[in-house]
Amino acid sequence: MSIPETRQWRRGIFASVVLGIFALLAIVYVTSGRDLASVVRNATLLSLVLGAAFIVTAWLMRAVRFWLLLRRIGRRARIFSLLQIYLATTFLSHVTPFTTGGLPLQVYLLSKRHGLTLGEATAVTGLDSLINTLGVLVLIPLLAVWGSALTARPEIRAGLQLLGVLLVGAAGLGAYLLFFRPSWNGEAWLRRQAERLRPGRTRNAVLKLAGGLGEEWRSFRQALTVYGRLSFVDLVPVVVVTFLYWAAYFGVALGVLWGMGVFPAWQAVLTSQIVFNVLQPLAPTPGGSGAAEWGMAVLFRHLVPREQLATFVAVWRLFTFYSSLTLGGLSAARLLAPYPARAGGGGQPEPLDGYRRPVDVTIEERTGKERTAEGVEVRHG
């Protein structure tokens, strides 16, 4: 599990903040000359209140979706602790190039803090990301209904074309995995390599790695099997929460604009943000800083008055980046802090919510009945 060190965090924070500030200053210079005070003057209390309300709602919806997915495999967790994990992973995405640091940390924290195996945590994280992406893709066909005027702008058209290329690539990979079903087995390959080694520490280490990889792969497949058996009724809450998440996230820009007295067509605001979300991960800077500010300025230059554009970008970035950078950093520092040694406990970590991983319990048993190592059955009503 590749989790950046504290030094890398600091460098990422510094780079993202500095690049963001310089990009914002450039936008102010282009749109308002050197009138920095105009950025503050154009911001209103209502724009701040609406932006805060929408982003907090979006955060809560992500935590609720995690909670729903964990319940499906028999895991328990408080929504507030899942919210902390989400903010921590968002923070790490903000301070790593191409926003790549969040998902590994999410897998790590779900495993260490809520008792999931790495295989289960990977399945939950992967499914959550897939659902999140599908939630946006469902909106794409609606662009045809809303009219061609939205896609006439070159930057919108280019963004949607790139999205099409990515979808074709994803579909090709999915078809390969579905129909050809590659049979490469990492555990068996490692065991074959171990057989070629002389008896000793190296061979034992490779065999141990192979066994651990096999266990995690089986738990991953087991979790996916459970999710694959979910009925339509089981999926309804997840779909509703996903819709509410994207409505709240895209609502941040609308709320900020409404609070500033700017009322563009909501379809145009939604389309511009979809394109932005496709392009942002391609920026090589930490959290997409610099590129994010300029990207939003370019995408919204026809929707927001020139003298208010810098204010809109600054307030929008405040809620979608700097708020989660700050709160997520605090959450990451808390969740990744060394565990205090417990008397007689050997320094073992205590998961959040007082939850301990069950002993010898499969997902099927956990969601129906549990049998602990002592042979005591616990049936769930």
Protein backbone atom coordinates (compact mmCIF):
# COMPACT_ATOMS: atom_id res chain seq x y z
CA MET A 1 0.00 0.00 0.00
CA SER A 2 1.64 3.19 -1.16
CA ILE A 3 0.81 5.95 1.34
CA PRO A 4 2.84 9.16 0.93
CA GLU A 5 5.04 10.20 3.84
CA THR A 6 4.54 13.41 5.84
CA ARG A 7 7.29 15.17 3.87
CA GLN A 8 5.49 14.44 0.62
CA TRP A 9 2.29 15.78 2.16
CA ARG A 10 3.98 19.04 3.05
CA ARG A 11 5.45 19.42 -0.40
CA GLY A 12 2.07 18.64 -1.95
CA ILE A 13 0.24 21.13 0.27
CA PHE A 14 2.78 23.85 -0.49
CA ALA A 15 2.70 23.20 -4.24
CA SER A 16 -1.09 23.01 -4.46
CA VAL A 17 -1.66 26.19 -2.45
CA VAL A 18 1.03 28.22 -4.24
CA LEU A 19 -0.07 27.11 -7.71
CA GLY A 20 -3.70 27.81 -6.84
CA ILE A 21 -2.92 31.31 -5.56
CA PHE A 22 -0.83 32.21 -8.62
CA ALA A 23 -3.54 30.90 -10.96
CA LEU A 24 -6.19 32.91 -9.13
CA LEU A 25 -4.03 36.07 -9.25
CA ALA A 26 -3.62 35.56 -12.99
CA ILE A 27 -7.40 35.26 -13.40
CA VAL A 28 -7.90 38.45 -11.37
CA TYR A 29 -5.34 40.26 -13.53
CA VAL A 30 -6.99 39.13 -16.77
CA THR A 31 -10.57 39.85 -15.69
CA SER A 32 -10.26 42.79 -13.27
CA GLY A 33 -6.85 44.30 -13.86
CA ARG A 34 -5.13 44.64 -10.50
CA ASP A 35 -8.28 45.19 -8.47
CA LEU A 36 -7.84 42.41 -5.90
CA ALA A 37 -10.41 44.00 -3.62
CA SER A 38 -13.10 43.27 -6.22
CA VAL A 39 -12.77 39.56 -5.47
CA VAL A 40 -13.84 40.19 -1.89
CA ARG A 41 -16.47 42.79 -2.78
CA ASN A 42 -18.27 40.46 -5.18
CA ALA A 43 -18.48 37.64 -2.63
CA THR A 44 -21.71 37.65 -0.63
CA LEU A 45 -22.77 36.00 2.59
CA LEU A 46 -25.48 34.10 0.72
CA SER A 47 -22.95 32.65 -1.74
CA LEU A 48 -20.83 31.42 1.18
CA VAL A 49 -23.81 29.92 3.02
CA LEU A 50 -25.17 28.13 -0.06
CA GLY A 51 -21.73 26.84 -1.07
CA ALA A 52 -21.09 25.51 2.44
CA ALA A 53 -24.51 23.84 2.62
CA PHE A 54 -24.06 22.05 -0.70
CA ILE A 55 -20.51 20.81 -0.04
CA VAL A 56 -21.32 19.51 3.46
CA THR A 57 -24.33 17.67 2.01
CA ALA A 58 -22.08 16.12 -0.65
CA TRP A 59 -19.61 14.93 1.99
CA LEU A 60 -22.38 13.38 4.06
CA MET A 61 -23.80 11.56 1.03
CA ARG A 62 -20.42 9.96 0.32
CA ALA A 63 -20.19 8.79 3.93
CA VAL A 64 -23.75 7.41 3.81
CA ARG A 65 -22.96 5.49 0.62
CA PHE A 66 -19.92 3.93 2.28
CA TRP A 67 -22.14 2.99 5.21
CA LEU A 68 -24.65 1.32 2.88
CA LEU A 69 -21.95 -0.62 1.00
CA LEU A 70 -20.35 -1.82 4.23
CA ARG A 71 -23.68 -3.03 5.60
CA ARG A 72 -24.15 -5.20 2.52
CA ILE A 73 -21.09 -7.26 3.50
CA GLY A 74 -21.96 -7.30 7.19
CA ARG A 75 -19.58 -4.59 8.39
CA ARG A 76 -20.56 -1.95 10.93
CA ALA A 77 -19.31 1.62 11.08
CA ARG A 78 -20.52 5.01 12.21
CA ILE A 79 -21.25 7.52 9.49
CA PHE A 80 -19.09 10.14 11.20
CA SER A 81 -16.03 7.87 11.18
CA LEU A 82 -16.62 7.11 7.48
CA LEU A 83 -16.90 10.85 6.86
CA GLN A 84 -13.47 11.29 8.43
CA ILE A 85 -12.05 8.59 6.15
CA TYR A 86 -13.59 10.22 3.09
CA LEU A 87 -12.17 13.63 4.02
CA ALA A 88 -8.75 12.11 4.70
CA THR A 89 -8.69 10.42 1.29
CA THR A 90 -9.85 13.63 -0.37
CA PHE A 91 -7.00 15.47 1.35
CA LEU A 92 -4.46 13.01 0.00
CA SER A 93 -5.93 13.36 -3.49
CA HIS A 94 -5.43 17.11 -3.16
CA VAL A 95 -1.71 16.82 -2.38
CA THR A 96 -0.67 14.12 -4.88
CA PRO A 97 -0.17 14.49 -8.65
CA PHE A 98 -3.08 13.34 -10.82
CA THR A 99 -5.14 13.03 -7.58
CA THR A 100 -3.83 9.46 -7.23
CA GLY A 101 -3.22 9.24 -3.48
CA GLY A 102 -6.78 9.00 -2.21
CA LEU A 103 -7.87 5.47 -3.13
CA PRO A 104 -4.88 3.62 -1.60
CA LEU A 105 -5.39 5.52 1.65
CA GLN A 106 -9.09 4.70 1.60
CA VAL A 107 -8.34 0.98 1.30
CA TYR A 108 -5.76 1.23 4.07
CA LEU A 109 -8.05 3.08 6.51
CA LEU A 110 -11.06 0.84 5.88
CA SER A 111 -8.86 -2.15 6.63
CA LYS A 112 -7.06 -0.78 9.68
CA ARG A 113 -9.90 1.20 11.21
CA HIS A 114 -12.96 -0.92 10.47
CA GLY A 115 -11.63 -4.47 10.43
CA LEU A 116 -12.02 -5.18 6.72
CA THR A 117 -9.54 -7.40 4.96
CA LEU A 118 -7.55 -5.62 2.25
CA GLY A 119 -9.54 -7.60 -0.32
CA GLU A 120 -12.86 -6.43 1.11
CA ALA A 121 -11.64 -2.85 1.43
CA THR A 122 -10.45 -2.91 -2.19
CA ALA A 123 -13.82 -4.25 -3.35
CA VAL A 124 -15.74 -1.59 -1.40
CA THR A 125 -13.47 1.21 -2.63
CA GLY A 126 -13.56 0.00 -6.23
CA LEU A 127 -17.34 -0.37 -6.23
CA ASP A 128 -17.79 3.05 -4.64
CA SER A 129 -15.60 4.64 -7.34
CA LEU A 130 -17.45 2.76 -10.08
CA ILE A 131 -20.85 3.87 -8.78
CA ASN A 132 -19.58 7.43 -8.53
CA THR A 133 -18.44 7.38 -12.16
CA LEU A 134 -21.65 5.76 -13.40
CA GLY A 135 -23.61 8.48 -11.62
CA VAL A 136 -22.00 11.07 -13.92
CA LEU A 137 -22.24 8.92 -17.06
CA VAL A 138 -26.00 8.63 -16.62
CA LEU A 139 -26.19 12.40 -17.08
CA ILE A 140 -24.29 12.40 -20.39
CA PRO A 141 -27.22 11.23 -22.60
CA LEU A 142 -29.30 14.07 -21.20
CA LEU A 143 -27.05 16.51 -23.06
CA ALA A 144 -28.68 15.42 -26.31
CA VAL A 145 -32.07 16.20 -24.82
CA TRP A 146 -30.97 19.63 -23.61
CA GLY A 147 -29.85 20.64 -27.09
CA SER A 148 -26.75 21.06 -29.18
CA ALA A 149 -26.10 24.62 -27.98
CA LEU A 150 -24.38 23.27 -24.87
CA THR A 151 -21.92 21.19 -26.88
CA ALA A 152 -21.20 23.84 -29.51
CA ARG A 153 -18.41 25.44 -27.46
CA PRO A 154 -15.03 23.94 -28.43
CA GLU A 155 -13.85 23.28 -24.85
CA ILE A 156 -17.09 21.43 -24.03
CA ARG A 157 -16.89 19.40 -27.21
CA ALA A 158 -13.23 18.52 -26.63
CA GLY A 159 -13.95 17.42 -23.07
CA LEU A 160 -16.83 15.20 -24.15
CA GLN A 161 -14.71 13.69 -26.94
CA LEU A 162 -12.02 12.83 -24.41
CA LEU A 163 -14.68 11.28 -22.20
CA GLY A 164 -15.78 9.17 -25.17
CA VAL A 165 -12.22 7.91 -25.70
CA LEU A 166 -11.90 7.00 -22.02
CA LEU A 167 -15.25 5.18 -22.11
CA VAL A 168 -14.22 3.17 -25.17
CA GLY A 169 -11.00 2.17 -23.41
CA ALA A 170 -12.88 1.20 -20.26
CA ALA A 171 -15.43 -0.78 -22.29
CA GLY A 172 -12.62 -2.63 -24.09
CA LEU A 173 -10.95 -3.55 -20.82
CA GLY A 174 -14.29 -4.66 -19.36
CA ALA A 175 -15.03 -6.83 -22.40
CA TYR A 176 -11.59 -8.43 -22.16
CA LEU A 177 -12.07 -9.27 -18.49
CA LEU A 178 -15.64 -10.47 -19.05
CA PHE A 179 -15.22 -12.63 -22.15
CA PHE A 180 -11.58 -13.69 -22.22
CA ARG A 181 -11.22 -13.98 -18.43
CA PRO A 182 -7.44 -13.95 -18.08
CA SER A 183 -6.38 -16.77 -15.80
CA TRP A 184 -3.12 -15.32 -14.47
CA ASN A 185 -2.90 -16.33 -10.83
CA GLY A 186 -0.58 -14.18 -8.74
CA GLU A 187 -0.55 -16.61 -5.81
CA ALA A 188 0.35 -19.62 -7.97
CA TRP A 189 3.02 -17.63 -9.82
CA LEU A 190 4.67 -16.57 -6.55
CA ARG A 191 4.60 -20.13 -5.25
CA ARG A 192 6.30 -21.36 -8.42
CA GLN A 193 9.00 -18.74 -7.97
CA ALA A 194 9.43 -19.80 -4.34
CA GLU A 195 9.97 -23.42 -5.39
CA ARG A 196 13.02 -22.31 -7.36
CA LEU A 197 14.61 -20.73 -4.29
CA ARG A 198 16.68 -22.45 -1.67
CA PRO A 199 15.03 -23.08 1.71
CA GLY A 200 15.50 -20.06 3.91
CA ARG A 201 14.14 -16.67 4.82
CA THR A 202 13.68 -15.46 1.26
CA ARG A 203 11.70 -18.52 0.26
CA ASN A 204 9.57 -18.33 3.40
CA ALA A 205 8.92 -14.63 2.78
CA VAL A 206 7.78 -15.30 -0.81
CA LEU A 207 5.52 -18.15 0.34
CA LYS A 208 4.06 -15.91 3.05
CA LEU A 209 3.44 -13.18 0.49
CA ALA A 210 1.78 -15.69 -1.83
CA GLY A 211 -0.49 -16.93 0.94
CA GLY A 212 -1.45 -13.41 1.96
CA LEU A 213 -2.12 -12.43 -1.64
CA GLY A 214 -4.31 -15.48 -2.10
CA GLU A 215 -6.34 -14.72 1.02
CA GLU A 216 -6.90 -11.10 0.02
CA TRP A 217 -7.84 -12.11 -3.52
CA ARG A 218 -10.40 -14.60 -2.21
CA SER A 219 -11.92 -12.02 0.15
CA PHE A 220 -12.04 -9.54 -2.75
CA ARG A 221 -13.86 -12.05 -4.98
CA GLN A 222 -16.14 -12.98 -2.10
CA ALA A 223 -17.14 -9.36 -1.54
CA LEU A 224 -17.79 -8.84 -5.25
CA THR A 225 -19.93 -11.99 -5.30
CA VAL A 226 -22.07 -10.65 -2.45
CA TYR A 227 -22.47 -7.30 -4.21
CA GLY A 228 -23.35 -9.09 -7.44
CA ARG A 229 -26.27 -10.80 -5.70
CA LEU A 230 -27.87 -7.55 -4.58
CA SER A 231 -31.43 -7.09 -5.76
CA PHE A 232 -32.86 -3.94 -7.32
CA VAL A 233 -34.48 -3.06 -3.99
CA ASP A 234 -31.07 -3.31 -2.28
CA LEU A 235 -29.56 -0.95 -4.84
CA VAL A 236 -32.25 1.74 -4.64
CA PRO A 237 -30.79 3.46 -1.52
CA VAL A 238 -27.31 3.46 -3.09
CA VAL A 239 -28.65 4.98 -6.33
CA VAL A 240 -30.62 7.63 -4.44
CA VAL A 241 -27.63 8.60 -2.30
CA THR A 242 -25.40 8.77 -5.40
CA PHE A 243 -27.89 11.08 -7.11
CA LEU A 244 -28.03 13.29 -4.02
CA TYR A 245 -24.23 13.38 -3.86
CA TRP A 246 -23.80 14.60 -7.42
CA ALA A 247 -26.72 17.02 -7.08
CA ALA A 248 -25.06 18.53 -4.00
CA TYR A 249 -21.55 18.56 -5.50
CA PHE A 250 -22.66 20.21 -8.74
CA GLY A 251 -24.91 22.43 -6.64
CA VAL A 252 -21.87 24.15 -5.09
CA ALA A 253 -21.24 26.14 -8.28
CA LEU A 254 -24.93 26.93 -8.68
CA GLY A 255 -25.26 27.99 -5.04
CA VAL A 256 -22.25 30.29 -5.26
CA LEU A 257 -23.55 31.87 -8.46
CA TRP A 258 -27.08 32.30 -7.12
CA GLY A 259 -25.68 33.92 -3.99
CA MET A 260 -23.75 36.35 -6.20
CA GLY A 261 -26.90 37.22 -8.13
CA VAL A 262 -25.88 35.32 -11.28
CA PHE A 263 -28.48 32.92 -12.71
CA PRO A 264 -27.15 30.97 -15.72
CA ALA A 265 -28.99 27.95 -17.12
CA TRP A 266 -28.41 25.09 -14.71
CA GLN A 267 -27.90 22.67 -17.63
CA ALA A 268 -24.93 24.74 -18.83
CA VAL A 269 -23.46 24.82 -15.32
CA LEU A 270 -23.86 21.05 -15.01
CA THR A 271 -22.31 20.37 -18.42
CA SER A 272 -19.29 22.57 -17.70
CA GLN A 273 -18.67 20.77 -14.41
CA ILE A 274 -18.94 17.33 -16.02
CA VAL A 275 -16.23 18.34 -18.50
CA PHE A 276 -14.16 19.77 -15.65
CA ASN A 277 -14.38 16.51 -13.69
CA VAL A 278 -13.21 14.57 -16.76
CA LEU A 279 -10.19 16.83 -17.30
CA GLN A 280 -9.08 17.56 -13.72
CA PRO A 281 -7.44 14.16 -12.98
CA LEU A 282 -5.25 14.65 -16.06
CA ALA A 283 -3.50 17.66 -14.50
CA PRO A 284 -0.05 16.59 -13.21
CA THR A 285 -0.06 19.09 -10.34
CA PRO A 286 -1.13 18.17 -6.77
CA GLY A 287 -4.92 18.28 -6.66
CA GLY A 288 -4.94 19.75 -10.16
CA SER A 289 -4.04 23.14 -8.65
CA GLY A 290 -3.44 25.87 -11.19
CA ALA A 291 -5.11 23.85 -13.93
CA ALA A 292 -8.32 23.64 -11.89
CA GLU A 293 -8.63 27.40 -11.45
CA TRP A 294 -7.86 28.13 -15.08
CA GLY A 295 -10.12 25.30 -16.24
CA MET A 296 -13.12 26.61 -14.35
CA ALA A 297 -12.42 30.16 -15.55
CA VAL A 298 -12.35 28.98 -19.18
CA LEU A 299 -15.44 26.78 -18.85
CA PHE A 300 -17.49 29.46 -17.09
CA ARG A 301 -16.30 32.55 -18.94
CA HIS A 302 -19.50 32.62 -21.02
CA LEU A 303 -21.75 32.00 -18.00
CA VAL A 304 -20.41 34.49 -15.45
CA PRO A 305 -19.90 38.26 -15.92
CA ARG A 306 -16.23 39.06 -16.50
CA GLU A 307 -15.91 41.19 -13.35
CA GLN A 308 -17.34 38.38 -11.18
CA LEU A 309 -15.46 35.45 -12.71
CA ALA A 310 -12.45 35.58 -10.37
CA THR A 311 -14.73 35.77 -7.32
CA PHE A 312 -16.74 32.78 -8.51
CA VAL A 313 -13.61 30.67 -9.10
CA ALA A 314 -12.14 31.67 -5.71
CA VAL A 315 -15.30 30.88 -3.71
CA TRP A 316 -15.99 27.68 -5.63
CA ARG A 317 -12.40 26.52 -5.05
CA LEU A 318 -12.70 27.45 -1.38
CA PHE A 319 -15.45 24.88 -0.90
CA THR A 320 -14.40 22.15 -3.34
CA PHE A 321 -10.69 22.21 -2.49
CA TYR A 322 -9.48 24.27 0.47
CA SER A 323 -12.23 23.17 2.88
CA SER A 324 -11.50 19.46 2.32
CA LEU A 325 -7.75 20.20 2.24
CA THR A 326 -8.02 21.65 5.75
CA LEU A 327 -10.56 19.30 7.34
CA GLY A 328 -9.17 16.31 5.46
CA GLY A 329 -5.66 17.10 6.64
CA LEU A 330 -6.86 17.14 10.25
CA SER A 331 -8.71 13.85 9.71
CA ALA A 332 -5.69 12.21 8.06
CA ALA A 333 -3.41 13.33 10.90
CA ARG A 334 -5.80 11.82 13.44
CA LEU A 335 -6.49 8.57 11.59
CA LEU A 336 -2.85 7.90 10.74
CA ALA A 337 -1.47 8.85 14.15
CA PRO A 338 0.41 6.03 15.94
CA TYR A 339 -1.80 3.99 18.24
CA PRO A 340 -1.07 4.40 21.94
CA ALA A 341 0.26 1.25 23.53
CA ARG A 342 -2.35 -0.61 25.55
CA ALA A 343 -1.53 -2.57 28.71
CA GLY A 344 -1.01 -6.19 27.75
CA GLY A 345 -2.30 -5.46 24.27
CA GLY A 346 0.96 -5.68 22.42
CA GLY A 347 0.33 -2.31 20.80
CA GLN A 348 -2.45 -3.69 18.59
CA PRO A 349 -4.64 -1.03 16.98
CA GLU A 350 -8.15 -0.45 18.26
CA PRO A 351 -10.54 0.00 15.33
CA LEU A 352 -12.95 2.92 15.30
CA ASP A 353 -16.37 2.38 16.91
CA GLY A 354 -14.89 -0.32 19.16
CA TYR A 355 -15.36 -2.83 16.34
CA ARG A 356 -13.07 -5.86 16.25
CA ARG A 357 -12.64 -8.09 13.25
CA PRO A 358 -14.59 -11.35 13.76
CA VAL A 359 -12.54 -14.52 13.91
CA ASP A 360 -13.00 -17.02 11.06
CA VAL A 361 -16.16 -15.36 9.80
CA THR A 362 -16.95 -15.28 6.09
CA ILE A 363 -19.06 -12.59 4.47
CA GLU A 364 -21.97 -15.00 4.05
CA GLU A 365 -21.84 -15.93 7.74
CA ARG A 366 -21.44 -12.29 8.74
CA THR A 367 -24.54 -11.23 6.85
CA GLY A 368 -26.58 -14.17 8.13
CA LYS A 369 -25.07 -15.81 11.18
CA GLU A 370 -21.61 -15.61 12.71
CA ARG A 371 -19.55 -18.40 14.26
CA THR A 372 -16.62 -17.22 16.33
CA ALA A 373 -13.49 -19.18 17.13
CA GLU A 374 -15.05 -20.28 20.42
CA GLY A 375 -17.88 -22.00 18.52
CA VAL A 376 -20.58 -19.59 19.66
CA GLU A 377 -23.18 -18.82 17.01
CA VAL A 378 -24.66 -15.36 16.76
CA ARG A 379 -27.76 -15.16 14.62
CA HIS A 380 -28.92 -11.88 13.13
CA GLY A 381 -32.60 -11.28 13.08
